[in-house]
C-alpha atoms as a PDB file:
ATOM      1  CA  MET A   1      71.284 -46.154  -9.308  1.00  0.00           C
ATOM      2  CA  PRO A   2      72.153 -43.562  -6.641  1.00  0.00           C
ATOM      3  CA  PRO A   3      70.122 -40.353  -6.543  1.00  0.00           C
ATOM      4  CA  ARG A   4      71.344 -37.613  -8.873  1.00  0.00           C
ATOM      5  CA  TYR A   5      71.718 -33.982  -7.859  1.00  0.00           C
ATOM      6  CA  CYS A   6      72.409 -30.752  -9.711  1.00  0.00           C
ATOM      7  CA  VAL A   7      75.117 -28.510  -8.257  1.00  0.00           C
ATOM      8  CA  VAL A   8      73.536 -25.145  -7.424  1.00  0.00           C
ATOM      9  CA  GLY A   9      76.110 -23.803  -4.964  1.00  0.00           C
ATOM     10  CA  PHE A  10      79.726 -24.244  -3.935  1.00  0.00           C
ATOM     11  CA  VAL A  11      80.710 -27.937  -3.998  1.00  0.00           C
ATOM     12  CA  THR A  12      84.344 -29.059  -4.095  1.00  0.00           C
ATOM     13  CA  TYR A  13      86.409 -32.188  -4.697  1.00  0.00           C
ATOM     14  CA  GLY A  14      90.070 -33.100  -4.230  1.00  0.00           C
ATOM     15  CA  ASN A  15      92.079 -33.295  -7.454  1.00  0.00           C
ATOM     16  CA  ASP A  16      95.186 -35.388  -8.177  1.00  0.00           C
ATOM     17  CA  ARG A  17      97.453 -32.667  -6.810  1.00  0.00           C
ATOM     18  CA  GLY A  18      95.660 -32.534  -3.464  1.00  0.00           C
ATOM     19  CA  ARG A  19      93.952 -29.234  -4.205  1.00  0.00           C
ATOM     20  CA  ARG A  20      90.283 -28.470  -3.588  1.00  0.00           C
ATOM     21  CA  CYS A  21      88.515 -27.593  -6.826  1.00  0.00           C
ATOM     22  CA  ALA A  22      84.968 -26.389  -7.383  1.00  0.00           C
ATOM     23  CA  ILE A  23      82.478 -28.444  -9.335  1.00  0.00           C
ATOM     24  CA  PRO A  24      80.819 -25.989 -11.742  1.00  0.00           C
ATOM     25  CA  ALA A  25      77.206 -25.038 -11.073  1.00  0.00           C
ATOM     26  CA  GLY A  26      74.847 -27.027 -13.263  1.00  0.00           C
ATOM     27  CA  GLU A  27      76.942 -30.211 -13.204  1.00  0.00           C
ATOM     28  CA  LEU A  28      75.280 -33.452 -12.147  1.00  0.00           C
ATOM     29  CA  VAL A  29      76.582 -35.577  -9.279  1.00  0.00           C
ATOM     30  CA  GLU A  30      75.486 -38.900  -7.798  1.00  0.00           C
ATOM     31  CA  LEU A  31      75.418 -39.418  -4.044  1.00  0.00           C
ATOM     32  CA  SER A  32      75.571 -42.782  -2.318  1.00  0.00           C
ATOM     33  CA  ARG A  33      74.706 -42.421   1.356  1.00  0.00           C
ATOM     34  CA  ALA A  34      75.896 -44.649   4.194  1.00  0.00           C
ATOM     35  CA  ALA A  35      73.900 -45.561   7.299  1.00  0.00           C
ATOM     36  CA  ASP A  36      76.071 -43.255   9.448  1.00  0.00           C
ATOM     37  CA  GLY A  37      75.153 -40.185   7.365  1.00  0.00           C
ATOM     38  CA  SER A  38      78.395 -40.025   5.408  1.00  0.00           C
ATOM     39  CA  GLY A  39      78.521 -40.729   1.709  1.00  0.00           C
ATOM     40  CA  VAL A  40      80.351 -40.776  -1.586  1.00  0.00           C
ATOM     41  CA  MET A  41      79.878 -38.220  -4.355  1.00  0.00           C
ATOM     42  CA  VAL A  42      80.657 -39.201  -7.949  1.00  0.00           C
ATOM     43  CA  TRP A  43      80.708 -36.930 -10.982  1.00  0.00           C
ATOM     44  CA  GLN A  44      82.309 -36.563 -14.423  1.00  0.00           C
ATOM     45  CA  ASP A  45      84.265 -33.530 -15.529  1.00  0.00           C
ATOM     46  CA  SER A  46      84.097 -31.989 -18.999  1.00  0.00           C
ATOM     47  CA  THR A  47      86.782 -34.387 -20.292  1.00  0.00           C
ATOM     48  CA  GLY A  48      84.749 -37.429 -19.216  1.00  0.00           C
ATOM     49  CA  ARG A  49      86.972 -38.320 -16.279  1.00  0.00           C
ATOM     50  CA  THR A  50      85.058 -39.731 -13.309  1.00  0.00           C
ATOM     51  CA  TRP A  51      85.854 -38.348  -9.869  1.00  0.00           C
ATOM     52  CA  SER A  52      84.871 -39.808  -6.517  1.00  0.00           C
ATOM     53  CA  GLU A  53      84.907 -37.977  -3.198  1.00  0.00           C
ATOM     54  CA  ALA A  54      84.191 -39.387   0.269  1.00  0.00           C
ATOM     55  CA  LEU A  55      82.068 -36.948   2.284  1.00  0.00           C
ATOM     56  CA  SER A  56      81.707 -36.761   6.045  1.00  0.00           C
ATOM     57  CA  ASP A  57      78.206 -36.689   7.492  1.00  0.00           C
ATOM     58  CA  ARG A  58      78.559 -32.957   8.226  1.00  0.00           C
ATOM     59  CA  LEU A  59      79.816 -32.005   4.775  1.00  0.00           C
ATOM     60  CA  LEU A  60      77.161 -34.110   3.073  1.00  0.00           C
ATOM     61  CA  ALA A  61      74.422 -32.486   5.161  1.00  0.00           C
ATOM     62  CA  HIS A  62      75.839 -29.020   4.382  1.00  0.00           C
ATOM     63  CA  TYR A  63      75.893 -29.679   0.637  1.00  0.00           C
ATOM     64  CA  MET A  64      72.376 -31.127   0.652  1.00  0.00           C
ATOM     65  CA  MET A  65      70.918 -28.175   2.579  1.00  0.00           C
ATOM     66  CA  SER A  66      71.720 -25.518   0.004  1.00  0.00           C
ATOM     67  CA  HIS A  67      74.315 -26.546  -2.568  1.00  0.00           C
ATOM     68  CA  LEU A  68      72.663 -29.535  -4.286  1.00  0.00           C
ATOM     69  CA  ARG A  69      69.181 -29.916  -5.767  1.00  0.00           C
ATOM     70  CA  LEU A  70      67.707 -33.402  -6.037  1.00  0.00           C
ATOM     71  CA  LEU A  71      66.683 -34.353  -9.571  1.00  0.00           C
ATOM     72  CA  PRO A  72      63.587 -36.446 -10.241  1.00  0.00           C
ATOM     73  CA  SER A  73      64.236 -40.160 -10.572  1.00  0.00           C
ATOM     74  CA  GLN A  74      64.408 -41.436 -14.163  1.00  0.00           C
ATOM     75  CA  ASP A  75      62.832 -44.860 -13.614  1.00  0.00           C
END
């Protein structure tokens, strides 16, 4: 299972209409990281729909510095 993070800052995703939308603070996201530093963020909205967003290495690093807080593993 990919590491889970809590949104604590401004994190966005692209919706079906091509608009950037904010993920509300307090929501949980999963991040799968690639060897090149990029990654994929997955989260569910309040209706239960799952969203997936490819993140560049720069955007992923930016989010991880101050917009996401790593949650303890639930092994």
